[in-house]
Amino acid sequence: MSQAPAGWYPKPGTKEIGYWDGTKWLDIPAPDNFLNNPNSKVPFSGFAIASLVTSFVFFPLAIVFGHIALVEIKKSNGKLQGEGLAIAGLILGYLWIFIVILILLAGFAVNEAFNSPDIWST
């Protein structure tokens, strides 16, 4: 790690974020807004990104990836970010399932209406 510039990084062998001054680790707590900082070194979960992307292509897979991402992010203890991406992928995936179910129900209703005998005529 001696080649890395000073900054906040995941400490090797631990589940903590620490500050590397360029030569050694300093024992100072990470700022409260560390994960909201666009310059933070915490990577995004690949499953979170995949969840959002697949929500536009193959939505059942977006739901699977979204749930995997949320578990992965929770278990990482701050080493991964992307909870918002995973939630967005989940919402879009479930929304698409809801839309497909509505379309199918509407299709069955229209089919039944057109193929049923006319009960009002005598």
C-alpha atoms as a PDB file:
ATOM      1  CA  MET A   1       0.000   0.000   0.000  1.00  0.00           C
ATOM      2  CA  SER A   2       3.047   2.276   0.134  1.00  0.00           C
ATOM      3  CA  GLN A   3       2.471   3.417  -3.473  1.00  0.00           C
ATOM      4  CA  ALA A   4      -1.070   4.665  -2.883  1.00  0.00           C
ATOM      5  CA  PRO A   5      -1.672   8.376  -2.326  1.00  0.00           C
ATOM      6  CA  ALA A   6      -3.092   9.594   0.955  1.00  0.00           C
ATOM      7  CA  GLY A   7      -6.806   8.945   1.367  1.00  0.00           C
ATOM      8  CA  TRP A   8      -9.524   6.759   2.858  1.00  0.00           C
ATOM      9  CA  TYR A   9      -9.240   3.058   1.972  1.00  0.00           C
ATOM     10  CA  PRO A  10     -10.456  -0.311   3.279  1.00  0.00           C
ATOM     11  CA  LYS A  11      -7.800  -1.502   5.731  1.00  0.00           C
ATOM     12  CA  PRO A  12      -6.153  -4.760   4.618  1.00  0.00           C
ATOM     13  CA  GLY A  13      -7.293  -7.786   6.587  1.00  0.00           C
ATOM     14  CA  THR A  14     -10.079  -5.917   8.375  1.00  0.00           C
ATOM     15  CA  LYS A  15     -13.609  -4.766   7.685  1.00  0.00           C
ATOM     16  CA  GLU A  16     -12.822  -1.149   8.553  1.00  0.00           C
ATOM     17  CA  ILE A  17     -12.195   1.996   6.570  1.00  0.00           C
ATOM     18  CA  GLY A  18      -8.997   3.793   7.531  1.00  0.00           C
ATOM     19  CA  TYR A  19      -6.931   6.771   6.493  1.00  0.00           C
ATOM     20  CA  TRP A  20      -3.662   6.041   4.695  1.00  0.00           C
ATOM     21  CA  ASP A  21      -1.306   9.044   4.858  1.00  0.00           C
ATOM     22  CA  GLY A  22       0.954   7.695   2.111  1.00  0.00           C
ATOM     23  CA  THR A  23       3.304   5.862   4.481  1.00  0.00           C
ATOM     24  CA  LYS A  24       1.228   4.421   7.357  1.00  0.00           C
ATOM     25  CA  TRP A  25      -2.336   3.922   8.603  1.00  0.00           C
ATOM     26  CA  LEU A  26      -3.644   6.594  10.958  1.00  0.00           C
ATOM     27  CA  ASP A  27      -6.092   5.696  13.732  1.00  0.00           C
ATOM     28  CA  ILE A  28      -8.781   8.279  13.061  1.00  0.00           C
ATOM     29  CA  PRO A  29     -12.465   7.495  12.483  1.00  0.00           C
ATOM     30  CA  ALA A  30     -13.957   7.931   9.035  1.00  0.00           C
ATOM     31  CA  PRO A  31     -16.136  11.028   8.615  1.00  0.00           C
ATOM     32  CA  ASP A  32     -19.901  10.550   8.856  1.00  0.00           C
ATOM     33  CA  ASN A  33     -20.424  11.567   5.241  1.00  0.00           C
ATOM     34  CA  PHE A  34     -17.662   9.322   3.877  1.00  0.00           C
ATOM     35  CA  LEU A  35     -19.951   7.078   1.828  1.00  0.00           C
ATOM     36  CA  ASN A  36     -21.760  10.105   0.375  1.00  0.00           C
ATOM     37  CA  ASN A  37     -18.514  11.638  -0.816  1.00  0.00           C
ATOM     38  CA  PRO A  38     -18.171  11.288  -4.601  1.00  0.00           C
ATOM     39  CA  ASN A  39     -14.379  11.108  -4.184  1.00  0.00           C
ATOM     40  CA  SER A  40     -14.515   8.152  -1.799  1.00  0.00           C
ATOM     41  CA  LYS A  41     -12.553   5.047  -2.719  1.00  0.00           C
ATOM     42  CA  VAL A  42     -15.346   2.602  -1.791  1.00  0.00           C
ATOM     43  CA  PRO A  43     -16.342   0.615  -4.902  1.00  0.00           C
ATOM     44  CA  PHE A  44     -19.861  -0.094  -6.048  1.00  0.00           C
ATOM     45  CA  SER A  45     -21.312  -3.581  -5.824  1.00  0.00           C
ATOM     46  CA  GLY A  46     -21.293  -5.243  -9.234  1.00  0.00           C
ATOM     47  CA  PHE A  47     -24.617  -6.889  -8.449  1.00  0.00           C
ATOM     48  CA  ALA A  48     -26.171  -3.488  -7.693  1.00  0.00           C
ATOM     49  CA  ILE A  49     -25.088  -2.143 -11.068  1.00  0.00           C
ATOM     50  CA  ALA A  50     -26.253  -5.339 -12.787  1.00  0.00           C
ATOM     51  CA  SER A  51     -29.618  -5.078 -11.039  1.00  0.00           C
ATOM     52  CA  LEU A  52     -30.271  -1.617 -12.393  1.00  0.00           C
ATOM     53  CA  VAL A  53     -29.075  -2.462 -15.915  1.00  0.00           C
ATOM     54  CA  THR A  54     -31.020  -5.714 -16.188  1.00  0.00           C
ATOM     55  CA  SER A  55     -34.198  -4.035 -14.938  1.00  0.00           C
ATOM     56  CA  PHE A  56     -34.464  -2.565 -18.441  1.00  0.00           C
ATOM     57  CA  VAL A  57     -33.504  -5.767 -20.273  1.00  0.00           C
ATOM     58  CA  PHE A  58     -34.590  -8.865 -18.321  1.00  0.00           C
ATOM     59  CA  PHE A  59     -36.436  -7.789 -15.200  1.00  0.00           C
ATOM     60  CA  PRO A  60     -36.632 -11.141 -13.315  1.00  0.00           C
ATOM     61  CA  LEU A  61     -32.849 -11.186 -13.231  1.00  0.00           C
ATOM     62  CA  ALA A  62     -32.862  -7.611 -11.884  1.00  0.00           C
ATOM     63  CA  ILE A  63     -34.814  -8.798  -8.849  1.00  0.00           C
ATOM     64  CA  VAL A  64     -32.356 -11.604  -8.165  1.00  0.00           C
ATOM     65  CA  PHE A  65     -29.336  -9.323  -8.594  1.00  0.00           C
ATOM     66  CA  GLY A  66     -30.935  -6.629  -6.434  1.00  0.00           C
ATOM     67  CA  HIS A  67     -31.469  -8.951  -3.492  1.00  0.00           C
ATOM     68  CA  ILE A  68     -27.961 -10.414  -3.834  1.00  0.00           C
ATOM     69  CA  ALA A  69     -26.521  -6.873  -3.935  1.00  0.00           C
ATOM     70  CA  LEU A  70     -28.338  -5.775  -0.783  1.00  0.00           C
ATOM     71  CA  VAL A  71     -27.032  -8.789   1.134  1.00  0.00           C
ATOM     72  CA  GLU A  72     -23.522  -8.288  -0.260  1.00  0.00           C
ATOM     73  CA  ILE A  73     -23.500  -4.581   0.651  1.00  0.00           C
ATOM     74  CA  LYS A  74     -24.805  -5.256   4.153  1.00  0.00           C
ATOM     75  CA  LYS A  75     -22.169  -7.928   4.786  1.00  0.00           C
ATOM     76  CA  SER A  76     -19.345  -5.704   3.462  1.00  0.00           C
ATOM     77  CA  ASN A  77     -19.526  -3.342   6.482  1.00  0.00           C
ATOM     78  CA  GLY A  78     -18.861  -0.257   4.398  1.00  0.00           C
ATOM     79  CA  LYS A  79     -16.466  -1.757   1.855  1.00  0.00           C
ATOM     80  CA  LEU A  80     -19.117  -1.638  -0.880  1.00  0.00           C
ATOM     81  CA  GLN A  81     -21.692   0.936  -1.834  1.00  0.00           C
ATOM     82  CA  GLY A  82     -24.613   0.937  -4.250  1.00  0.00           C
ATOM     83  CA  GLU A  83     -27.615   0.284  -2.062  1.00  0.00           C
ATOM     84  CA  GLY A  84     -29.596   2.902  -4.002  1.00  0.00           C
ATOM     85  CA  LEU A  85     -28.792   1.220  -7.319  1.00  0.00           C
ATOM     86  CA  ALA A  86     -29.894  -2.148  -5.958  1.00  0.00           C
ATOM     87  CA  ILE A  87     -33.149  -0.724  -4.601  1.00  0.00           C
ATOM     88  CA  ALA A  88     -33.848   1.059  -7.896  1.00  0.00           C
ATOM     89  CA  GLY A  89     -33.279  -2.205  -9.780  1.00  0.00           C
ATOM     90  CA  LEU A  90     -35.605  -4.028  -7.396  1.00  0.00           C
ATOM     91  CA  ILE A  91     -38.347  -1.417  -7.703  1.00  0.00           C
ATOM     92  CA  LEU A  92     -38.168  -1.437 -11.502  1.00  0.00           C
ATOM     93  CA  GLY A  93     -38.071  -5.241 -11.611  1.00  0.00           C
ATOM     94  CA  TYR A  94     -41.141  -5.623  -9.391  1.00  0.00           C
ATOM     95  CA  LEU A  95     -42.893  -2.817 -11.274  1.00  0.00           C
ATOM     96  CA  TRP A  96     -42.369  -4.660 -14.569  1.00  0.00           C
ATOM     97  CA  ILE A  97     -43.789  -7.858 -13.068  1.00  0.00           C
ATOM     98  CA  PHE A  98     -46.843  -5.913 -11.879  1.00  0.00           C
ATOM     99  CA  ILE A  99     -47.301  -4.383 -15.358  1.00  0.00           C
ATOM    100  CA  VAL A 100     -47.008  -7.775 -17.071  1.00  0.00           C
ATOM    101  CA  ILE A 101     -49.596  -9.284 -14.700  1.00  0.00           C
ATOM    102  CA  LEU A 102     -51.975  -6.384 -15.398  1.00  0.00           C
ATOM    103  CA  ILE A 103     -51.538  -6.814 -19.167  1.00  0.00           C
ATOM    104  CA  LEU A 104     -52.172 -10.548 -18.910  1.00  0.00           C
ATOM    105  CA  LEU A 105     -55.295 -10.035 -16.797  1.00  0.00           C
ATOM    106  CA  ALA A 106     -56.593  -7.394 -19.207  1.00  0.00           C
ATOM    107  CA  GLY A 107     -55.907  -9.716 -22.138  1.00  0.00           C
ATOM    108  CA  PHE A 108     -57.800 -12.574 -20.504  1.00  0.00           C
ATOM    109  CA  ALA A 109     -60.717 -10.268 -19.706  1.00  0.00           C
ATOM    110  CA  VAL A 110     -60.911  -8.940 -23.278  1.00  0.00           C
ATOM    111  CA  ASN A 111     -60.630 -12.446 -24.704  1.00  0.00           C
ATOM    112  CA  GLU A 112     -63.401 -13.666 -22.426  1.00  0.00           C
ATOM    113  CA  ALA A 113     -65.628 -10.725 -23.357  1.00  0.00           C
ATOM    114  CA  PHE A 114     -65.249 -11.291 -27.100  1.00  0.00           C
ATOM    115  CA  ASN A 115     -65.583 -15.075 -27.000  1.00  0.00           C
ATOM    116  CA  SER A 116     -68.501 -15.413 -24.614  1.00  0.00           C
ATOM    117  CA  PRO A 117     -72.041 -15.814 -25.984  1.00  0.00           C
ATOM    118  CA  ASP A 118     -74.133 -12.693 -26.009  1.00  0.00           C
ATOM    119  CA  ILE A 119     -76.382 -13.187 -22.989  1.00  0.00           C
ATOM    120  CA  TRP A 120     -78.352  -9.993 -23.573  1.00  0.00           C
ATOM    121  CA  SER A 121     -79.767 -10.869 -27.000  1.00  0.00           C
ATOM    122  CA  THR A 122     -82.841 -13.055 -27.282  1.00  0.00           C
END
